[in-house]
Amino acid sequence: MSSELVDTPNLASSYCPGCDRERDPLREILTVCWCDEHRPACEGAEDAKASVDRTAWSSAGDANAETNRPWCAWVHRRVRRS
């Protein structure tokens, strides 16, 4: 069996916005592939201003039972229709 995704050729051209400034992503189908020289930095000046308290969130993303119970009851309530 074949899939449409496998059978469809990739028509996009790879380009680096830092190297290929003359190419226009509005006129061509382009896939951004940053080269090592122009790769955007992952850390900026604003990152130092953000404070994150890692103990406030659970690692599994579970909801706190005390704060979640009222919301759960409201969402799953039975609505009386007249």
PDB file of N, CA and C in Angstrom:
ATOM      1  N   MET A   1       0.841  -1.187   0.000  1.00  0.00           N
ATOM      2  CA  MET A   1       0.000   0.000   0.000  1.00  0.00           C
ATOM      3  C   MET A   1       0.878   1.240   0.000  1.00  0.00           C
ATOM      4  N   SER A   2       0.410   2.254  -0.659  1.00  0.00           N
ATOM      5  CA  SER A   2       1.162   3.504  -0.675  1.00  0.00           C
ATOM      6  C   SER A   2       0.371   4.594   0.017  1.00  0.00           C
ATOM      7  N   SER A   3       1.072   5.550   0.523  1.00  0.00           N
ATOM      8  CA  SER A   3       0.463   6.678   1.207  1.00  0.00           C
ATOM      9  C   SER A   3       0.580   7.914   0.330  1.00  0.00           C
ATOM     10  N   GLU A   4      -0.396   8.812   0.469  1.00  0.00           N
ATOM     11  CA  GLU A   4      -0.342  10.050  -0.310  1.00  0.00           C
ATOM     12  C   GLU A   4       0.885  10.868   0.056  1.00  0.00           C
ATOM     13  N   LEU A   5       1.277  10.836   1.320  1.00  0.00           N
ATOM     14  CA  LEU A   5       2.437  11.615   1.744  1.00  0.00           C
ATOM     15  C   LEU A   5       3.721  11.079   1.129  1.00  0.00           C
ATOM     16  N   VAL A   6       3.817   9.779   1.000  1.00  0.00           N
ATOM     17  CA  VAL A   6       5.012   9.182   0.418  1.00  0.00           C
ATOM     18  C   VAL A   6       5.046   9.440  -1.082  1.00  0.00           C
ATOM     19  N   ASP A   7       3.879   9.405  -1.723  1.00  0.00           N
ATOM     20  CA  ASP A   7       3.808   9.574  -3.166  1.00  0.00           C
ATOM     21  C   ASP A   7       3.940  11.024  -3.613  1.00  0.00           C
ATOM     22  N   THR A   8       3.726  11.966  -2.692  1.00  0.00           N
ATOM     23  CA  THR A   8       3.786  13.382  -3.038  1.00  0.00           C
ATOM     24  C   THR A   8       5.232  13.871  -2.941  1.00  0.00           C
ATOM     25  N   PRO A   9       5.782  14.397  -4.017  1.00  0.00           N
ATOM     26  CA  PRO A   9       7.157  14.893  -3.953  1.00  0.00           C
ATOM     27  C   PRO A   9       7.238  16.188  -3.143  1.00  0.00           C
ATOM     28  N   ASN A  10       8.380  16.410  -2.515  1.00  0.00           N
ATOM     29  CA  ASN A  10       8.612  17.636  -1.769  1.00  0.00           C
ATOM     30  C   ASN A  10       8.988  18.728  -2.765  1.00  0.00           C
ATOM     31  N   LEU A  11       8.149  19.731  -2.889  1.00  0.00           N
ATOM     32  CA  LEU A  11       8.373  20.802  -3.851  1.00  0.00           C
ATOM     33  C   LEU A  11       9.104  21.998  -3.257  1.00  0.00           C
ATOM     34  N   ALA A  12       9.347  21.971  -1.954  1.00  0.00           N
ATOM     35  CA  ALA A  12      10.003  23.093  -1.287  1.00  0.00           C
ATOM     36  C   ALA A  12      11.514  23.039  -1.484  1.00  0.00           C
ATOM     37  N   SER A  13      12.105  24.207  -1.573  1.00  0.00           N
ATOM     38  CA  SER A  13      13.560  24.340  -1.644  1.00  0.00           C
ATOM     39  C   SER A  13      14.073  24.773  -0.279  1.00  0.00           C
ATOM     40  N   SER A  14      15.176  24.225   0.152  1.00  0.00           N
ATOM     41  CA  SER A  14      15.776  24.625   1.414  1.00  0.00           C
ATOM     42  C   SER A  14      16.552  25.921   1.221  1.00  0.00           C
ATOM     43  N   TYR A  15      16.459  26.784   2.218  1.00  0.00           N
ATOM     44  CA  TYR A  15      17.229  28.030   2.145  1.00  0.00           C
ATOM     45  C   TYR A  15      17.500  28.567   3.536  1.00  0.00           C
ATOM     46  N   CYS A  16      18.581  29.315   3.656  1.00  0.00           N
ATOM     47  CA  CYS A  16      18.943  30.002   4.882  1.00  0.00           C
ATOM     48  C   CYS A  16      18.640  31.483   4.675  1.00  0.00           C
ATOM     49  N   PRO A  17      17.787  32.094   5.494  1.00  0.00           N
ATOM     50  CA  PRO A  17      17.467  33.513   5.323  1.00  0.00           C
ATOM     51  C   PRO A  17      18.685  34.427   5.430  1.00  0.00           C
ATOM     52  N   GLY A  18      19.726  34.003   6.129  1.00  0.00           N
ATOM     53  CA  GLY A  18      20.943  34.808   6.231  1.00  0.00           C
ATOM     54  C   GLY A  18      21.810  34.725   4.998  1.00  0.00           C
ATOM     55  N   CYS A  19      21.814  33.579   4.343  1.00  0.00           N
ATOM     56  CA  CYS A  19      22.654  33.379   3.155  1.00  0.00           C
ATOM     57  C   CYS A  19      21.932  33.768   1.868  1.00  0.00           C
ATOM     58  N   ASP A  20      20.662  33.480   1.795  1.00  0.00           N
ATOM     59  CA  ASP A  20      19.884  33.681   0.560  1.00  0.00           C
ATOM     60  C   ASP A  20      18.891  34.826   0.722  1.00  0.00           C
ATOM     61  N   ARG A  21      19.387  36.015   0.954  1.00  0.00           N
ATOM     62  CA  ARG A  21      18.516  37.172   1.207  1.00  0.00           C
ATOM     63  C   ARG A  21      17.682  37.572  -0.011  1.00  0.00           C
ATOM     64  N   GLU A  22      18.119  37.218  -1.199  1.00  0.00           N
ATOM     65  CA  GLU A  22      17.391  37.611  -2.411  1.00  0.00           C
ATOM     66  C   GLU A  22      16.161  36.737  -2.661  1.00  0.00           C
ATOM     67  N   ARG A  23      16.074  35.585  -1.999  1.00  0.00           N
ATOM     68  CA  ARG A  23      14.928  34.700  -2.206  1.00  0.00           C
ATOM     69  C   ARG A  23      13.738  35.200  -1.413  1.00  0.00           C
ATOM     70  N   ASP A  24      12.563  35.067  -1.989  1.00  0.00           N
ATOM     71  CA  ASP A  24      11.341  35.583  -1.389  1.00  0.00           C
ATOM     72  C   ASP A  24      10.422  34.424  -1.014  1.00  0.00           C
ATOM     73  N   PRO A  25      10.201  34.179   0.292  1.00  0.00           N
ATOM     74  CA  PRO A  25       9.339  33.073   0.690  1.00  0.00           C
ATOM     75  C   PRO A  25       7.870  33.282   0.311  1.00  0.00           C
ATOM     76  N   LEU A  26       7.502  34.490  -0.097  1.00  0.00           N
ATOM     77  CA  LEU A  26       6.132  34.727  -0.561  1.00  0.00           C
ATOM     78  C   LEU A  26       5.958  34.339  -2.023  1.00  0.00           C
ATOM     79  N   ARG A  27       7.034  34.216  -2.749  1.00  0.00           N
ATOM     80  CA  ARG A  27       6.968  33.871  -4.173  1.00  0.00           C
ATOM     81  C   ARG A  27       7.408  32.434  -4.462  1.00  0.00           C
ATOM     82  N   GLU A  28       8.066  31.799  -3.496  1.00  0.00           N
ATOM     83  CA  GLU A  28       8.559  30.441  -3.682  1.00  0.00           C
ATOM     84  C   GLU A  28       8.118  29.573  -2.509  1.00  0.00           C
ATOM     85  N   ILE A  29       8.125  28.278  -2.702  1.00  0.00           N
ATOM     86  CA  ILE A  29       7.899  27.353  -1.603  1.00  0.00           C
ATOM     87  C   ILE A  29       9.269  27.050  -1.028  1.00  0.00           C
ATOM     88  N   LEU A  30       9.511  27.558   0.180  1.00  0.00           N
ATOM     89  CA  LEU A  30      10.830  27.435   0.797  1.00  0.00           C
ATOM     90  C   LEU A  30      10.721  26.799   2.177  1.00  0.00           C
ATOM     91  N   THR A  31      11.711  26.022   2.521  1.00  0.00           N
ATOM     92  CA  THR A  31      11.840  25.454   3.856  1.00  0.00           C
ATOM     93  C   THR A  31      13.056  26.096   4.495  1.00  0.00           C
ATOM     94  N   VAL A  32      12.847  26.716   5.652  1.00  0.00           N
ATOM     95  CA  VAL A  32      13.956  27.389   6.328  1.00  0.00           C
ATOM     96  C   VAL A  32      14.878  26.347   6.943  1.00  0.00           C
ATOM     97  N   CYS A  33      16.122  26.395   6.544  1.00  0.00           N
ATOM     98  CA  CYS A  33      17.181  25.539   7.096  1.00  0.00           C
ATOM     99  C   CYS A  33      18.355  26.457   7.407  1.00  0.00           C
ATOM    100  N   TRP A  34      18.474  26.860   8.670  1.00  0.00           N
ATOM    101  CA  TRP A  34      19.531  27.784   9.067  1.00  0.00           C
ATOM    102  C   TRP A  34      20.888  27.107   8.971  1.00  0.00           C
ATOM    103  N   CYS A  35      21.865  27.817   8.438  1.00  0.00           N
ATOM    104  CA  CYS A  35      23.241  27.321   8.453  1.00  0.00           C
ATOM    105  C   CYS A  35      23.825  27.609   9.840  1.00  0.00           C
ATOM    106  N   ASP A  36      24.967  27.028  10.145  1.00  0.00           N
ATOM    107  CA  ASP A  36      25.573  27.206  11.469  1.00  0.00           C
ATOM    108  C   ASP A  36      25.924  28.665  11.753  1.00  0.00           C
ATOM    109  N   GLU A  37      26.304  29.394  10.735  1.00  0.00           N
ATOM    110  CA  GLU A  37      26.700  30.803  10.914  1.00  0.00           C
ATOM    111  C   GLU A  37      25.506  31.696  11.239  1.00  0.00           C
ATOM    112  N   HIS A  38      24.340  31.434  10.651  1.00  0.00           N
ATOM    113  CA  HIS A  38      23.175  32.310  10.805  1.00  0.00           C
ATOM    114  C   HIS A  38      22.093  31.764  11.731  1.00  0.00           C
ATOM    115  N   ARG A  39      22.349  30.635  12.372  1.00  0.00           N
ATOM    116  CA  ARG A  39      21.344  30.028  13.259  1.00  0.00           C
ATOM    117  C   ARG A  39      20.998  31.008  14.380  1.00  0.00           C
ATOM    118  N   PRO A  40      19.700  31.260  14.621  1.00  0.00           N
ATOM    119  CA  PRO A  40      19.309  32.194  15.688  1.00  0.00           C
ATOM    120  C   PRO A  40      19.739  31.669  17.061  1.00  0.00           C
ATOM    121  N   ALA A  41      20.073  32.584  17.944  1.00  0.00           N
ATOM    122  CA  ALA A  41      20.466  32.214  19.302  1.00  0.00           C
ATOM    123  C   ALA A  41      19.232  31.797  20.084  1.00  0.00           C
ATOM    124  N   CYS A  42      19.397  30.843  20.961  1.00  0.00           N
ATOM    125  CA  CYS A  42      18.283  30.373  21.779  1.00  0.00           C
ATOM    126  C   CYS A  42      18.155  31.171  23.071  1.00  0.00           C
ATOM    127  N   GLU A  43      19.153  31.952  23.399  1.00  0.00           N
ATOM    128  CA  GLU A  43      19.118  32.752  24.617  1.00  0.00           C
ATOM    129  C   GLU A  43      19.270  34.219  24.243  1.00  0.00           C
ATOM    130  N   GLY A  44      18.446  35.051  24.852  1.00  0.00           N
ATOM    131  CA  GLY A  44      18.508  36.469  24.568  1.00  0.00           C
ATOM    132  C   GLY A  44      18.591  37.280  25.840  1.00  0.00           C
ATOM    133  N   ALA A  45      18.634  38.592  25.687  1.00  0.00           N
ATOM    134  CA  ALA A  45      18.748  39.490  26.835  1.00  0.00           C
ATOM    135  C   ALA A  45      17.516  39.422  27.727  1.00  0.00           C
ATOM    136  N   GLU A  46      16.352  39.147  27.142  1.00  0.00           N
ATOM    137  CA  GLU A  46      15.112  39.110  27.916  1.00  0.00           C
ATOM    138  C   GLU A  46      14.983  37.836  28.751  1.00  0.00           C
ATOM    139  N   ASP A  47      15.728  36.789  28.427  1.00  0.00           N
ATOM    140  CA  ASP A  47      15.620  35.531  29.146  1.00  0.00           C
ATOM    141  C   ASP A  47      16.026  35.666  30.610  1.00  0.00           C
ATOM    142  N   ALA A  48      16.976  36.527  30.901  1.00  0.00           N
ATOM    143  CA  ALA A  48      17.431  36.700  32.277  1.00  0.00           C
ATOM    144  C   ALA A  48      16.362  37.357  33.143  1.00  0.00           C
ATOM    145  N   LYS A  49      15.435  38.106  32.542  1.00  0.00           N
ATOM    146  CA  LYS A  49      14.383  38.786  33.296  1.00  0.00           C
ATOM    147  C   LYS A  49      13.265  37.840  33.731  1.00  0.00           C
ATOM    148  N   ALA A  50      13.114  36.726  33.042  1.00  0.00           N
ATOM    149  CA  ALA A  50      12.039  35.787  33.369  1.00  0.00           C
ATOM    150  C   ALA A  50      12.448  34.927  34.549  1.00  0.00           C
ATOM    151  N   SER A  51      11.548  34.812  35.509  1.00  0.00           N
ATOM    152  CA  SER A  51      11.825  33.941  36.643  1.00  0.00           C
ATOM    153  C   SER A  51      10.808  32.811  36.633  1.00  0.00           C
ATOM    154  N   VAL A  52      11.308  31.613  36.754  1.00  0.00           N
ATOM    155  CA  VAL A  52      10.451  30.438  36.743  1.00  0.00           C
ATOM    156  C   VAL A  52      10.705  29.660  38.015  1.00  0.00           C
ATOM    157  N   ASP A  53       9.646  29.432  38.767  1.00  0.00           N
ATOM    158  CA  ASP A  53       9.765  28.638  39.984  1.00  0.00           C
ATOM    159  C   ASP A  53       9.475  27.190  39.615  1.00  0.00           C
ATOM    160  N   ARG A  54      10.510  26.401  39.530  1.00  0.00           N
ATOM    161  CA  ARG A  54      10.362  25.012  39.077  1.00  0.00           C
ATOM    162  C   ARG A  54       9.594  24.148  40.068  1.00  0.00           C
ATOM    163  N   THR A  55       9.516  24.534  41.327  1.00  0.00           N
ATOM    164  CA  THR A  55       8.792  23.729  42.308  1.00  0.00           C
ATOM    165  C   THR A  55       7.286  23.944  42.226  1.00  0.00           C
ATOM    166  N   ALA A  56       6.834  24.966  41.513  1.00  0.00           N
ATOM    167  CA  ALA A  56       5.405  25.248  41.437  1.00  0.00           C
ATOM    168  C   ALA A  56       4.671  24.282  40.520  1.00  0.00           C
ATOM    169  N   TRP A  57       5.374  23.662  39.598  1.00  0.00           N
ATOM    170  CA  TRP A  57       4.727  22.771  38.636  1.00  0.00           C
ATOM    171  C   TRP A  57       5.221  21.354  38.853  1.00  0.00           C
ATOM    172  N   SER A  58       4.329  20.410  38.711  1.00  0.00           N
ATOM    173  CA  SER A  58       4.768  19.021  38.827  1.00  0.00           C
ATOM    174  C   SER A  58       5.416  18.600  37.522  1.00  0.00           C
ATOM    175  N   SER A  59       6.311  17.662  37.587  1.00  0.00           N
ATOM    176  CA  SER A  59       7.028  17.240  36.388  1.00  0.00           C
ATOM    177  C   SER A  59       6.110  16.512  35.414  1.00  0.00           C
ATOM    178  N   ALA A  60       5.062  15.874  35.916  1.00  0.00           N
ATOM    179  CA  ALA A  60       4.156  15.128  35.037  1.00  0.00           C
ATOM    180  C   ALA A  60       3.019  16.002  34.518  1.00  0.00           C
ATOM    181  N   GLY A  61       2.902  17.219  35.028  1.00  0.00           N
ATOM    182  CA  GLY A  61       1.841  18.101  34.570  1.00  0.00           C
ATOM    183  C   GLY A  61       0.490  17.764  35.179  1.00  0.00           C
ATOM    184  N   ASP A  62       0.458  17.039  36.291  1.00  0.00           N
ATOM    185  CA  ASP A  62      -0.802  16.673  36.927  1.00  0.00           C
ATOM    186  C   ASP A  62      -1.421  17.893  37.600  1.00  0.00           C
ATOM    187  N   ALA A  63      -2.749  17.940  37.582  1.00  0.00           N
ATOM    188  CA  ALA A  63      -3.454  19.042  38.232  1.00  0.00           C
ATOM    189  C   ALA A  63      -3.494  18.794  39.734  1.00  0.00           C
ATOM    190  N   ASN A  64      -3.450  19.851  40.496  1.00  0.00           N
ATOM    191  CA  ASN A  64      -3.564  19.776  41.939  1.00  0.00           C
ATOM    192  C   ASN A  64      -5.019  19.457  42.276  1.00  0.00           C
ATOM    193  N   ALA A  65      -5.270  18.432  43.076  1.00  0.00           N
ATOM    194  CA  ALA A  65      -6.630  17.986  43.364  1.00  0.00           C
ATOM    195  C   ALA A  65      -7.469  19.064  44.032  1.00  0.00           C
ATOM    196  N   GLU A  66      -6.890  19.819  44.940  1.00  0.00           N
ATOM    197  CA  GLU A  66      -7.657  20.840  45.660  1.00  0.00           C
ATOM    198  C   GLU A  66      -8.136  21.958  44.740  1.00  0.00           C
ATOM    199  N   THR A  67      -7.311  22.367  43.800  1.00  0.00           N
ATOM    200  CA  THR A  67      -7.719  23.454  42.911  1.00  0.00           C
ATOM    201  C   THR A  67      -8.470  22.942  41.696  1.00  0.00           C
ATOM    202  N   ASN A  68      -8.287  21.691  41.331  1.00  0.00           N
ATOM    203  CA  ASN A  68      -8.929  21.149  40.134  1.00  0.00           C
ATOM    204  C   ASN A  68     -10.349  20.648  40.410  1.00  0.00           C
ATOM    205  N   ARG A  69     -10.639  20.211  41.636  1.00  0.00           N
ATOM    206  CA  ARG A  69     -11.932  19.610  41.951  1.00  0.00           C
ATOM    207  C   ARG A  69     -13.118  20.531  41.637  1.00  0.00           C
ATOM    208  N   PRO A  70     -13.109  21.803  42.026  1.00  0.00           N
ATOM    209  CA  PRO A  70     -14.256  22.667  41.684  1.00  0.00           C
ATOM    210  C   PRO A  70     -14.434  22.846  40.174  1.00  0.00           C
ATOM    211  N   TRP A  71     -13.344  22.954  39.449  1.00  0.00           N
ATOM    212  CA  TRP A  71     -13.443  23.104  37.992  1.00  0.00           C
ATOM    213  C   TRP A  71     -13.987  21.832  37.363  1.00  0.00           C
ATOM    214  N   CYS A  72     -13.541  20.701  37.842  1.00  0.00           N
ATOM    215  CA  CYS A  72     -14.004  19.417  37.318  1.00  0.00           C
ATOM    216  C   CYS A  72     -15.505  19.269  37.575  1.00  0.00           C
ATOM    217  N   ALA A  73     -15.953  19.627  38.775  1.00  0.00           N
ATOM    218  CA  ALA A  73     -17.371  19.540  39.101  1.00  0.00           C
ATOM    219  C   ALA A  73     -18.187  20.478  38.206  1.00  0.00           C
ATOM    220  N   TRP A  74     -17.671  21.663  37.938  1.00  0.00           N
ATOM    221  CA  TRP A  74     -18.400  22.616  37.095  1.00  0.00           C
ATOM    222  C   TRP A  74     -18.477  22.124  35.646  1.00  0.00           C
ATOM    223  N   VAL A  75     -17.369  21.608  35.112  1.00  0.00           N
ATOM    224  CA  VAL A  75     -17.345  21.148  33.726  1.00  0.00           C
ATOM    225  C   VAL A  75     -18.248  19.936  33.531  1.00  0.00           C
ATOM    226  N   HIS A  76     -18.259  19.032  34.502  1.00  0.00           N
ATOM    227  CA  HIS A  76     -19.008  17.787  34.358  1.00  0.00           C
ATOM    228  C   HIS A  76     -20.379  17.830  35.029  1.00  0.00           C
ATOM    229  N   ARG A  77     -20.879  19.013  35.323  1.00  0.00           N
ATOM    230  CA  ARG A  77     -22.180  19.144  35.987  1.00  0.00           C
ATOM    231  C   ARG A  77     -23.299  18.742  35.029  1.00  0.00           C
ATOM    232  N   ARG A  78     -24.421  18.406  35.607  1.00  0.00           N
ATOM    233  CA  ARG A  78     -25.600  18.095  34.788  1.00  0.00           C
ATOM    234  C   ARG A  78     -26.407  19.367  34.643  1.00  0.00           C
ATOM    235  N   VAL A  79     -26.733  19.695  33.432  1.00  0.00           N
ATOM    236  CA  VAL A  79     -27.493  20.917  33.158  1.00  0.00           C
ATOM    237  C   VAL A  79     -28.969  20.559  33.070  1.00  0.00           C
ATOM    238  N   ARG A  80     -29.790  21.277  33.852  1.00  0.00           N
ATOM    239  CA  ARG A  80     -31.237  21.055  33.811  1.00  0.00           C
ATOM    240  C   ARG A  80     -31.844  21.886  32.711  1.00  0.00           C
ATOM    241  N   ARG A  81     -32.600  21.242  31.858  1.00  0.00           N
ATOM    242  CA  ARG A  81     -33.252  21.960  30.751  1.00  0.00           C
ATOM    243  C   ARG A  81     -34.715  22.145  31.065  1.00  0.00           C
ATOM    244  N   SER A  82     -35.225  23.325  30.798  1.00  0.00           N
ATOM    245  CA  SER A  82     -36.637  23.633  31.085  1.00  0.00           C
ATOM    246  C   SER A  82     -37.545  23.105  30.012  1.00  0.00           C
TER     247      SER A  82
END
